[in-house]
Amino acid sequence: MSDEPRAPKPPKAVALHWDGQQAPRITASGTGATAEQIRQIAEAHGVPLQQDPVLVEALAQIPVGDEIPRALYVAVAEVLTFVFMLEGIDPRQPTYLPAERPEGKA
C-alpha cells in the first residue's frame, strides 16, 4: 500500500432534461472546467443540484442528447423526486406548477 497522497479526481457533472413524457435526456456532461461551468450555469438559473458520484459516473457514459437507459430509471427518478420536493412541484399536475406551500413557508 502506497503512502503517497492521490491527486483528487477532477469534478464531473451531468445535466438532465425531462419533458414529462419521454425518458430524461442528457443535456450536458463534462469533467474539470466543463463540470464547473455546468454547475455554475445550473446555480445561476436556480436549478437544484444533487451530488451522487456513482450516478454521475453512469450518466457520464451516455452521449449528450441521448435518453437515459432503463437501467438508470429508478436512480434518476430518485433525483427527480428530490428536485420536485425542493421546488414544491407535483408531477401529477399537467402544468408542473409548484404545489401550494403552507403559510409562513417561502
N, C-alpha and C. Protein backbone atom coordinates (compact mmCIF):
# COMPACT_ATOMS: atom_id res chain seq x y z
N MET A 1 0.84 -1.18 0.00
CA MET A 1 0.00 0.00 0.00
C MET A 1 0.88 1.24 0.00
N SER A 2 0.62 2.14 -0.86
CA SER A 2 1.43 3.34 -1.01
C SER A 2 0.97 4.42 -0.05
N ASP A 3 1.94 5.15 0.49
CA ASP A 3 1.63 6.26 1.39
C ASP A 3 1.53 7.58 0.64
N GLU A 4 1.75 7.53 -0.67
CA GLU A 4 1.68 8.75 -1.46
C GLU A 4 0.24 9.22 -1.57
N PRO A 5 0.01 10.52 -1.34
CA PRO A 5 -1.37 11.01 -1.48
C PRO A 5 -1.79 10.98 -2.95
N ARG A 6 -3.04 10.62 -3.14
CA ARG A 6 -3.58 10.59 -4.50
C ARG A 6 -4.07 11.98 -4.89
N ALA A 7 -3.88 12.29 -6.14
CA ALA A 7 -4.39 13.56 -6.65
C ALA A 7 -5.92 13.47 -6.67
N PRO A 8 -6.60 14.53 -6.28
CA PRO A 8 -8.06 14.48 -6.30
C PRO A 8 -8.56 14.31 -7.74
N LYS A 9 -9.63 13.55 -7.87
CA LYS A 9 -10.23 13.36 -9.19
C LYS A 9 -10.86 14.68 -9.63
N PRO A 10 -10.77 14.98 -10.91
CA PRO A 10 -11.42 16.21 -11.38
C PRO A 10 -12.94 16.06 -11.22
N PRO A 11 -13.62 17.16 -10.92
CA PRO A 11 -15.08 17.08 -10.75
C PRO A 11 -15.76 16.68 -12.06
N LYS A 12 -16.88 15.99 -11.91
CA LYS A 12 -17.72 15.63 -13.06
C LYS A 12 -19.12 16.17 -12.81
N ALA A 13 -19.80 16.50 -13.88
CA ALA A 13 -21.18 16.95 -13.78
C ALA A 13 -21.95 16.48 -15.00
N VAL A 14 -23.22 16.18 -14.77
CA VAL A 14 -24.13 15.79 -15.85
C VAL A 14 -25.44 16.55 -15.63
N ALA A 15 -25.98 17.10 -16.70
CA ALA A 15 -27.26 17.79 -16.65
C ALA A 15 -28.30 16.96 -17.39
N LEU A 16 -29.50 16.93 -16.82
CA LEU A 16 -30.61 16.18 -17.40
C LEU A 16 -31.76 17.12 -17.73
N HIS A 17 -32.54 16.73 -18.72
CA HIS A 17 -33.80 17.42 -19.01
C HIS A 17 -34.88 16.36 -19.15
N TRP A 18 -36.01 16.62 -18.50
CA TRP A 18 -37.14 15.70 -18.61
C TRP A 18 -38.35 16.49 -19.05
N ASP A 19 -38.97 16.08 -20.14
CA ASP A 19 -40.13 16.79 -20.66
C ASP A 19 -41.44 16.28 -20.07
N GLY A 20 -41.37 15.29 -19.21
CA GLY A 20 -42.57 14.75 -18.58
C GLY A 20 -43.24 13.67 -19.41
N GLN A 21 -42.74 13.44 -20.61
CA GLN A 21 -43.34 12.45 -21.50
C GLN A 21 -42.39 11.30 -21.79
N GLN A 22 -41.21 11.65 -22.28
CA GLN A 22 -40.20 10.65 -22.64
C GLN A 22 -39.23 10.48 -21.48
N ALA A 23 -38.31 9.56 -21.65
CA ALA A 23 -37.26 9.38 -20.63
C ALA A 23 -36.39 10.64 -20.59
N PRO A 24 -35.83 10.97 -19.43
CA PRO A 24 -34.93 12.12 -19.35
C PRO A 24 -33.76 11.97 -20.32
N ARG A 25 -33.26 13.11 -20.79
CA ARG A 25 -32.13 13.14 -21.71
C ARG A 25 -30.94 13.82 -21.05
N ILE A 26 -29.76 13.42 -21.50
CA ILE A 26 -28.54 14.08 -21.07
C ILE A 26 -28.42 15.35 -21.90
N THR A 27 -28.33 16.51 -21.24
CA THR A 27 -28.23 17.77 -21.98
C THR A 27 -26.83 18.38 -21.89
N ALA A 28 -26.04 17.94 -20.92
CA ALA A 28 -24.66 18.41 -20.79
C ALA A 28 -23.90 17.41 -19.94
N SER A 29 -22.63 17.28 -20.22
CA SER A 29 -21.79 16.35 -19.46
C SER A 29 -20.35 16.82 -19.59
N GLY A 30 -19.62 16.77 -18.48
CA GLY A 30 -18.24 17.20 -18.58
C GLY A 30 -17.44 16.92 -17.32
N THR A 31 -16.14 17.12 -17.46
CA THR A 31 -15.18 16.90 -16.38
C THR A 31 -14.34 18.16 -16.22
N GLY A 32 -13.87 18.41 -15.03
CA GLY A 32 -12.98 19.54 -14.78
C GLY A 32 -13.67 20.87 -14.97
N ALA A 33 -13.07 21.73 -15.81
CA ALA A 33 -13.60 23.07 -16.02
C ALA A 33 -15.01 23.03 -16.63
N THR A 34 -15.26 22.06 -17.50
CA THR A 34 -16.59 21.93 -18.09
C THR A 34 -17.62 21.59 -17.02
N ALA A 35 -17.26 20.70 -16.10
CA ALA A 35 -18.16 20.34 -14.99
C ALA A 35 -18.46 21.57 -14.15
N GLU A 36 -17.44 22.38 -13.88
CA GLU A 36 -17.64 23.60 -13.09
C GLU A 36 -18.58 24.56 -13.82
N GLN A 37 -18.45 24.67 -15.15
CA GLN A 37 -19.34 25.54 -15.92
C GLN A 37 -20.77 25.03 -15.86
N ILE A 38 -20.96 23.72 -15.96
CA ILE A 38 -22.30 23.14 -15.88
C ILE A 38 -22.92 23.50 -14.53
N ARG A 39 -22.16 23.34 -13.47
CA ARG A 39 -22.66 23.67 -12.12
C ARG A 39 -22.98 25.15 -11.99
N GLN A 40 -22.09 26.01 -12.49
CA GLN A 40 -22.31 27.46 -12.39
C GLN A 40 -23.56 27.89 -13.15
N ILE A 41 -23.76 27.33 -14.33
CA ILE A 41 -24.95 27.67 -15.13
C ILE A 41 -26.20 27.20 -14.40
N ALA A 42 -26.15 25.99 -13.84
CA ALA A 42 -27.31 25.47 -13.10
C ALA A 42 -27.62 26.37 -11.91
N GLU A 43 -26.61 26.74 -11.15
CA GLU A 43 -26.81 27.60 -9.99
C GLU A 43 -27.36 28.96 -10.41
N ALA A 44 -26.84 29.53 -11.49
CA ALA A 44 -27.30 30.83 -11.97
C ALA A 44 -28.76 30.81 -12.38
N HIS A 45 -29.25 29.64 -12.79
CA HIS A 45 -30.65 29.51 -13.22
C HIS A 45 -31.53 28.88 -12.15
N GLY A 46 -31.00 28.72 -10.95
CA GLY A 46 -31.80 28.18 -9.85
C GLY A 46 -32.12 26.71 -9.98
N VAL A 47 -31.31 25.98 -10.73
CA VAL A 47 -31.53 24.55 -10.90
C VAL A 47 -30.95 23.83 -9.68
N PRO A 48 -31.77 23.03 -8.99
CA PRO A 48 -31.25 22.30 -7.84
C PRO A 48 -30.15 21.32 -8.25
N LEU A 49 -29.15 21.19 -7.39
CA LEU A 49 -28.04 20.28 -7.64
C LEU A 49 -28.08 19.14 -6.64
N GLN A 50 -27.73 17.97 -7.09
CA GLN A 50 -27.61 16.82 -6.20
C GLN A 50 -26.29 16.13 -6.51
N GLN A 51 -25.58 15.74 -5.47
CA GLN A 51 -24.31 15.06 -5.66
C GLN A 51 -24.49 13.57 -5.46
N ASP A 52 -24.16 12.81 -6.47
CA ASP A 52 -24.20 11.35 -6.41
C ASP A 52 -23.12 10.86 -7.36
N PRO A 53 -21.88 10.69 -6.85
CA PRO A 53 -20.76 10.33 -7.73
C PRO A 53 -20.97 9.05 -8.53
N VAL A 54 -21.62 8.07 -7.96
CA VAL A 54 -21.85 6.81 -8.67
C VAL A 54 -22.80 7.04 -9.85
N LEU A 55 -23.88 7.78 -9.60
CA LEU A 55 -24.84 8.06 -10.68
C LEU A 55 -24.20 8.94 -11.75
N VAL A 56 -23.42 9.93 -11.35
CA VAL A 56 -22.75 10.79 -12.33
C VAL A 56 -21.83 9.96 -13.22
N GLU A 57 -21.09 9.02 -12.63
CA GLU A 57 -20.21 8.15 -13.43
C GLU A 57 -21.02 7.39 -14.48
N ALA A 58 -22.16 6.85 -14.07
CA ALA A 58 -23.01 6.09 -15.00
C ALA A 58 -23.58 7.00 -16.09
N LEU A 59 -24.10 8.16 -15.68
CA LEU A 59 -24.70 9.08 -16.65
C LEU A 59 -23.67 9.68 -17.59
N ALA A 60 -22.44 9.85 -17.12
CA ALA A 60 -21.39 10.44 -17.96
C ALA A 60 -21.02 9.54 -19.14
N GLN A 61 -21.40 8.27 -19.09
CA GLN A 61 -21.11 7.35 -20.19
C GLN A 61 -22.11 7.50 -21.34
N ILE A 62 -23.21 8.21 -21.09
CA ILE A 62 -24.27 8.35 -22.09
C ILE A 62 -24.00 9.60 -22.92
N PRO A 63 -24.05 9.48 -24.24
CA PRO A 63 -23.81 10.66 -25.09
C PRO A 63 -24.84 11.77 -24.85
N VAL A 64 -24.38 13.02 -24.93
CA VAL A 64 -25.27 14.17 -24.81
C VAL A 64 -26.35 14.06 -25.89
N GLY A 65 -27.59 14.28 -25.47
CA GLY A 65 -28.73 14.20 -26.39
C GLY A 65 -29.47 12.88 -26.30
N ASP A 66 -28.82 11.86 -25.75
CA ASP A 66 -29.46 10.54 -25.63
C ASP A 66 -30.34 10.46 -24.39
N GLU A 67 -31.38 9.62 -24.48
CA GLU A 67 -32.21 9.33 -23.32
C GLU A 67 -31.42 8.42 -22.37
N ILE A 68 -31.75 8.52 -21.09
CA ILE A 68 -31.11 7.62 -20.14
C ILE A 68 -31.62 6.20 -20.39
N PRO A 69 -30.81 5.19 -20.14
CA PRO A 69 -31.26 3.81 -20.34
C PRO A 69 -32.18 3.36 -19.20
N ARG A 70 -32.99 2.36 -19.48
CA ARG A 70 -33.93 1.83 -18.49
C ARG A 70 -33.24 1.44 -17.19
N ALA A 71 -32.03 0.97 -17.27
CA ALA A 71 -31.30 0.54 -16.08
C ALA A 71 -31.10 1.68 -15.07
N LEU A 72 -31.20 2.92 -15.53
CA LEU A 72 -30.99 4.07 -14.64
C LEU A 72 -32.29 4.79 -14.28
N TYR A 73 -33.43 4.29 -14.72
CA TYR A 73 -34.71 4.95 -14.45
C TYR A 73 -34.94 5.18 -12.97
N VAL A 74 -34.74 4.17 -12.14
CA VAL A 74 -35.03 4.31 -10.71
C VAL A 74 -34.10 5.35 -10.08
N ALA A 75 -32.82 5.28 -10.38
CA ALA A 75 -31.87 6.24 -9.80
C ALA A 75 -32.21 7.67 -10.22
N VAL A 76 -32.55 7.87 -11.49
CA VAL A 76 -32.89 9.21 -11.96
C VAL A 76 -34.24 9.64 -11.41
N ALA A 77 -35.17 8.72 -11.24
CA ALA A 77 -36.46 9.06 -10.63
C ALA A 77 -36.26 9.57 -9.20
N GLU A 78 -35.30 9.01 -8.49
CA GLU A 78 -34.99 9.49 -7.14
C GLU A 78 -34.46 10.92 -7.18
N VAL A 79 -33.66 11.24 -8.18
CA VAL A 79 -33.16 12.61 -8.33
C VAL A 79 -34.33 13.55 -8.64
N LEU A 80 -35.20 13.14 -9.56
CA LEU A 80 -36.36 13.98 -9.91
C LEU A 80 -37.27 14.18 -8.69
N THR A 81 -37.44 13.15 -7.89
CA THR A 81 -38.24 13.27 -6.67
C THR A 81 -37.63 14.30 -5.74
N PHE A 82 -36.31 14.26 -5.60
CA PHE A 82 -35.59 15.24 -4.78
C PHE A 82 -35.87 16.66 -5.29
N VAL A 83 -35.77 16.87 -6.60
CA VAL A 83 -36.00 18.18 -7.18
C VAL A 83 -37.44 18.61 -6.97
N PHE A 84 -38.38 17.72 -7.22
CA PHE A 84 -39.80 18.06 -7.06
C PHE A 84 -40.09 18.46 -5.61
N MET A 85 -39.52 17.72 -4.66
CA MET A 85 -39.72 18.05 -3.25
C MET A 85 -39.17 19.44 -2.93
N LEU A 86 -37.95 19.72 -3.38
CA LEU A 86 -37.34 21.02 -3.11
C LEU A 86 -38.15 22.17 -3.69
N GLU A 87 -38.68 21.95 -4.87
CA GLU A 87 -39.38 23.01 -5.60
C GLU A 87 -40.88 23.04 -5.33
N GLY A 88 -41.39 22.07 -4.57
CA GLY A 88 -42.83 22.03 -4.31
C GLY A 88 -43.63 21.70 -5.55
N ILE A 89 -43.06 20.89 -6.42
CA ILE A 89 -43.72 20.53 -7.68
C ILE A 89 -44.48 19.23 -7.50
N ASP A 90 -45.70 19.21 -8.02
CA ASP A 90 -46.49 17.99 -8.04
C ASP A 90 -46.47 17.48 -9.48
N PRO A 91 -45.66 16.44 -9.78
CA PRO A 91 -45.53 15.98 -11.16
C PRO A 91 -46.80 15.38 -11.74
N ARG A 92 -47.78 15.13 -10.89
CA ARG A 92 -49.05 14.59 -11.40
C ARG A 92 -49.89 15.66 -12.07
N GLN A 93 -49.55 16.92 -11.82
CA GLN A 93 -50.27 18.03 -12.44
C GLN A 93 -49.72 18.25 -13.84
N PRO A 94 -50.57 18.38 -14.83
CA PRO A 94 -50.08 18.52 -16.21
C PRO A 94 -49.24 19.77 -16.45
N THR A 95 -49.39 20.81 -15.64
CA THR A 95 -48.63 22.04 -15.86
C THR A 95 -47.35 22.08 -15.04
N TYR A 96 -47.17 21.17 -14.12
CA TYR A 96 -45.99 21.11 -13.26
C TYR A 96 -45.76 22.41 -12.49
N LEU A 97 -46.86 23.03 -12.08
CA LEU A 97 -46.74 24.24 -11.28
C LEU A 97 -46.39 23.86 -9.85
N PRO A 98 -45.67 24.74 -9.15
CA PRO A 98 -45.34 24.43 -7.77
C PRO A 98 -46.61 24.22 -6.94
N ALA A 99 -46.58 23.22 -6.08
CA ALA A 99 -47.70 22.98 -5.19
C ALA A 99 -47.79 24.14 -4.21
N GLU A 100 -48.97 24.38 -3.68
CA GLU A 100 -49.12 25.44 -2.70
C GLU A 100 -48.30 25.11 -1.47
N ARG A 101 -47.62 26.10 -0.96
CA ARG A 101 -46.79 25.90 0.22
C ARG A 101 -47.58 26.37 1.44
N PRO A 102 -47.38 25.71 2.57
CA PRO A 102 -48.08 26.14 3.79
C PRO A 102 -47.70 27.57 4.12
N GLU A 103 -48.62 28.30 4.77
CA GLU A 103 -48.36 29.69 5.13
C GLU A 103 -47.12 29.78 5.98
N GLY A 104 -46.36 30.84 5.77
CA GLY A 104 -45.15 31.05 6.54
C GLY A 104 -43.93 30.37 5.93
N LYS A 105 -44.13 29.54 4.91
CA LYS A 105 -43.01 28.86 4.24
C LYS A 105 -42.73 29.60 2.94
N ALA A 106 -41.48 29.83 2.67
CA ALA A 106 -41.11 30.51 1.41
C ALA A 106 -40.73 29.50 0.36
